[in-house]
Protein backbone atom coordinates (compact mmCIF):
# COMPACT_ATOMS: atom_id res chain seq x y z
CA UNK A 1 -51.49 -4.11 5.91
CA UNK A 2 -48.75 -1.90 4.87
CA UNK A 3 -45.90 -3.24 2.25
CA UNK A 4 -42.60 -2.66 1.11
CA UNK A 5 -40.36 -4.37 -1.39
CA UNK A 6 -36.84 -5.04 -1.48
CA UNK A 7 -34.40 -7.26 -3.69
CA UNK A 8 -31.90 -9.33 -1.58
CA UNK A 9 -28.23 -7.98 -2.55
CA UNK A 10 -25.41 -9.91 -2.44
CA UNK A 11 -24.66 -7.94 1.23
CA UNK A 12 -28.05 -9.99 2.58
CA UNK A 13 -26.59 -13.69 2.19
CA UNK A 14 -24.83 -15.69 4.37
CA UNK A 15 -22.00 -18.46 4.09
CA UNK A 16 -25.37 -20.49 2.63
CA UNK A 17 -26.25 -18.65 0.33
CA UNK A 18 -29.59 -17.81 1.39
CA UNK A 19 -30.90 -14.43 3.00
CA UNK A 20 -29.04 -13.93 6.02
CA UNK A 21 -31.18 -13.66 9.76
CA UNK A 22 -29.51 -9.86 9.70
CA UNK A 23 -31.11 -8.98 6.49
CA UNK A 24 -34.38 -9.89 7.74
CA UNK A 25 -33.71 -7.64 10.54
CA UNK A 26 -32.64 -4.89 8.58
CA UNK A 27 -35.59 -5.39 6.47
CA UNK A 28 -38.22 -5.34 9.07
CA UNK A 29 -36.46 -1.98 10.43
CA UNK A 30 -36.80 -0.17 7.05
CA UNK A 31 -40.32 -1.10 6.92
CA UNK A 32 -41.16 0.34 10.07
CA UNK A 33 -39.26 3.35 9.38
CA UNK A 34 -41.37 3.49 6.47
CA UNK A 35 -44.52 3.04 7.90
CA UNK A 36 -43.81 5.45 10.66
CA UNK A 37 -42.66 8.10 8.37
CA UNK A 38 -45.97 7.93 6.71
CA UNK A 39 -47.81 8.46 9.89
CA UNK A 40 -45.30 11.54 10.54
CA UNK A 41 -42.44 10.28 12.76
CA UNK A 42 -39.62 10.98 11.07
CA UNK A 43 -36.37 12.21 12.46
CA UNK A 44 -37.07 16.22 12.44
CA UNK A 45 -40.53 15.26 14.51
CA UNK A 46 -39.16 12.58 16.59
CA UNK A 47 -36.39 14.87 17.33
CA UNK A 48 -38.37 17.52 18.34
CA UNK A 49 -40.57 15.55 20.84
CA UNK A 50 -36.89 13.90 22.14
CA UNK A 51 -38.71 10.47 21.19
CA UNK A 52 -37.18 7.34 20.07
CA UNK A 53 -38.49 3.72 19.40
CA UNK A 54 -37.05 0.66 21.43
CA UNK A 55 -37.42 -3.03 20.77
CA UNK A 56 -37.80 -5.46 23.46
CA UNK A 57 -37.95 -8.48 21.53
CA UNK A 58 -37.97 -9.65 17.94
CA UNK A 59 -39.19 -13.48 17.53
CA UNK A 60 -38.49 -14.47 13.95
CA UNK A 61 -39.94 -17.75 12.45
CA UNK A 62 -38.42 -18.84 9.52
CA UNK A 63 -40.27 -21.37 6.72
CA UNK A 64 -38.86 -21.33 3.25
CA UNK A 65 -35.03 -19.85 1.97
CA UNK A 66 -35.00 -16.71 0.01
CA UNK A 67 -32.05 -16.12 -2.21
CA UNK A 68 -30.20 -13.54 -3.72
CA UNK A 69 -31.48 -11.03 -6.55
CA UNK A 70 -34.99 -12.08 -5.69
CA UNK A 71 -37.70 -9.63 -4.53
CA UNK A 72 -39.31 -9.59 -1.70
CA UNK A 73 -42.05 -7.78 0.00
CA UNK A 74 -42.24 -7.14 3.71
CA UNK A 75 -45.74 -6.43 5.93
CA UNK A 76 -46.61 -4.83 8.98
CA UNK A 77 -49.69 -5.25 10.90
CA UNK A 78 -50.58 -3.42 13.76
CA UNK A 79 -51.59 -5.68 16.13
CA UNK A 80 -51.29 -4.09 19.37
CA UNK A 81 -50.91 -0.06 21.41
CA UNK A 82 -51.04 0.77 25.02
CA UNK A 83 -53.73 3.66 25.57
CA UNK A 84 -50.85 6.15 25.72
CA UNK A 85 -49.19 4.87 22.89
CA UNK A 86 -45.87 3.83 24.90
CA UNK A 87 -46.35 -0.06 24.12
CA UNK A 88 -46.58 -1.16 20.33
CA UNK A 89 -46.81 -4.49 19.03
CA UNK A 90 -46.37 -5.16 15.16
CA UNK A 91 -46.36 -8.62 13.10
CA UNK A 92 -44.33 -8.68 10.00
CA UNK A 93 -44.08 -11.19 6.96
CA UNK A 94 -42.13 -11.80 4.41
CA UNK A 95 -43.55 -13.05 0.89
CA UNK A 96 -41.53 -13.88 -2.22
CA UNK A 97 -42.44 -12.51 -5.86
CA UNK A 98 -45.18 -15.49 -6.18
CA UNK A 99 -46.94 -14.07 -2.53
CA UNK A 100 -45.77 -17.13 -0.66
CA UNK A 101 -44.78 -16.39 2.80
CA UNK A 102 -41.49 -17.59 3.98
CA UNK A 103 -41.02 -15.80 7.53
CA UNK A 104 -42.93 -14.09 10.38
CA UNK A 105 -41.60 -11.93 12.75
CA UNK A 106 -43.54 -10.72 16.06
CA UNK A 107 -41.91 -7.36 17.62
CA UNK A 108 -42.77 -5.52 20.82
CA UNK A 109 -41.26 -2.57 21.18
CA UNK A 110 -41.61 1.15 22.91
CA UNK A 111 -40.89 4.60 23.15
CA UNK A 112 -37.83 6.18 25.01
CA UNK A 113 -37.82 9.48 26.21
CA UNK A 114 -34.06 10.40 24.79
CA UNK A 115 -33.42 13.10 27.57
CA UNK A 116 -34.59 10.82 30.78
CA UNK A 117 -33.91 7.56 28.96
CA UNK A 118 -37.27 6.21 30.42
CA UNK A 119 -40.14 4.89 28.89
CA UNK A 120 -42.57 7.44 27.42
CA UNK A 121 -46.35 7.83 26.10
CA UNK A 122 -46.53 9.57 22.82
CA UNK A 123 -47.39 13.19 22.07
CA UNK A 124 -50.87 13.95 20.79
CA UNK A 125 -50.51 14.28 17.35
CA UNK A 126 -48.88 10.56 17.09
CA UNK A 127 -51.66 8.99 18.99
CA UNK A 128 -54.18 10.74 16.54
CA UNK A 129 -51.99 9.76 13.26
CA UNK A 130 -51.91 5.78 14.91
CA UNK A 131 -55.76 6.12 15.80
CA UNK A 132 -56.20 6.36 11.74
CA UNK A 133 -54.18 3.20 11.02
CA UNK A 134 -55.69 -0.03 10.25
CA UNK A 135 -55.46 -2.09 13.17
CA UNK A 136 -55.40 -6.30 12.46
CA UNK A 137 -57.96 -8.48 13.25
CA UNK A 138 -56.45 -9.65 16.40
CA UNK A 139 -55.78 -5.74 17.77
CA UNK A 140 -55.22 -6.01 21.67
CA UNK A 141 -55.14 -2.78 23.87
CA UNK A 142 -51.30 -3.27 25.12
CA UNK A 143 -50.79 -2.91 29.12
CA UNK A 144 -47.43 -2.96 31.01
CA UNK A 145 -48.51 -6.37 31.87
CA UNK A 146 -48.15 -7.32 28.18
CA UNK A 147 -44.67 -6.58 27.73
CA UNK A 148 -43.47 -9.18 30.69
CA UNK A 149 -44.72 -11.91 28.48
CA UNK A 150 -41.41 -13.51 27.69
CA UNK A 151 -39.81 -11.53 30.88
CA UNK A 152 -35.94 -12.43 31.29
CA UNK A 153 -33.49 -11.12 33.98
CA UNK A 154 -30.16 -10.34 33.33
CA UNK A 155 -27.29 -12.46 34.41
CA UNK A 156 -24.12 -10.47 35.25
CA UNK A 157 -20.82 -12.27 34.61
CA UNK A 158 -19.21 -12.89 37.58
CA UNK A 159 -15.58 -12.13 37.38
């Protein structure tokens, strides 16, 4: 399990004086990027391969409040990856200073080719890096069908 520590800043709280939901998203994003950077995914390597990550959904479950000035740890576990690396699934958990879990998130995403703007598999060097990552006990090899589990269709506003 990958862990990253943060302190809840003034800018992270909302009108109810607890951690704002936008801060949860920011902490998770920073945790994912820290994890990916340790695997060799950084701005340069992603630019060299003309790829970037995209998020299909983030389902966040809140259990307890978290408050200003308190330390938090955010975990990342690799829950799924397609054979070509195109699709990925991570779970994040939020822990207080005593190790109590106060929120959980499931995220599904993919990699996009920044030139064609279409989904793409990972280059071999990145697939190799992911092959060395500890997988969760519930790890699953993802298929395109797995990405449709919560499929929603856009409904345009008729003007």
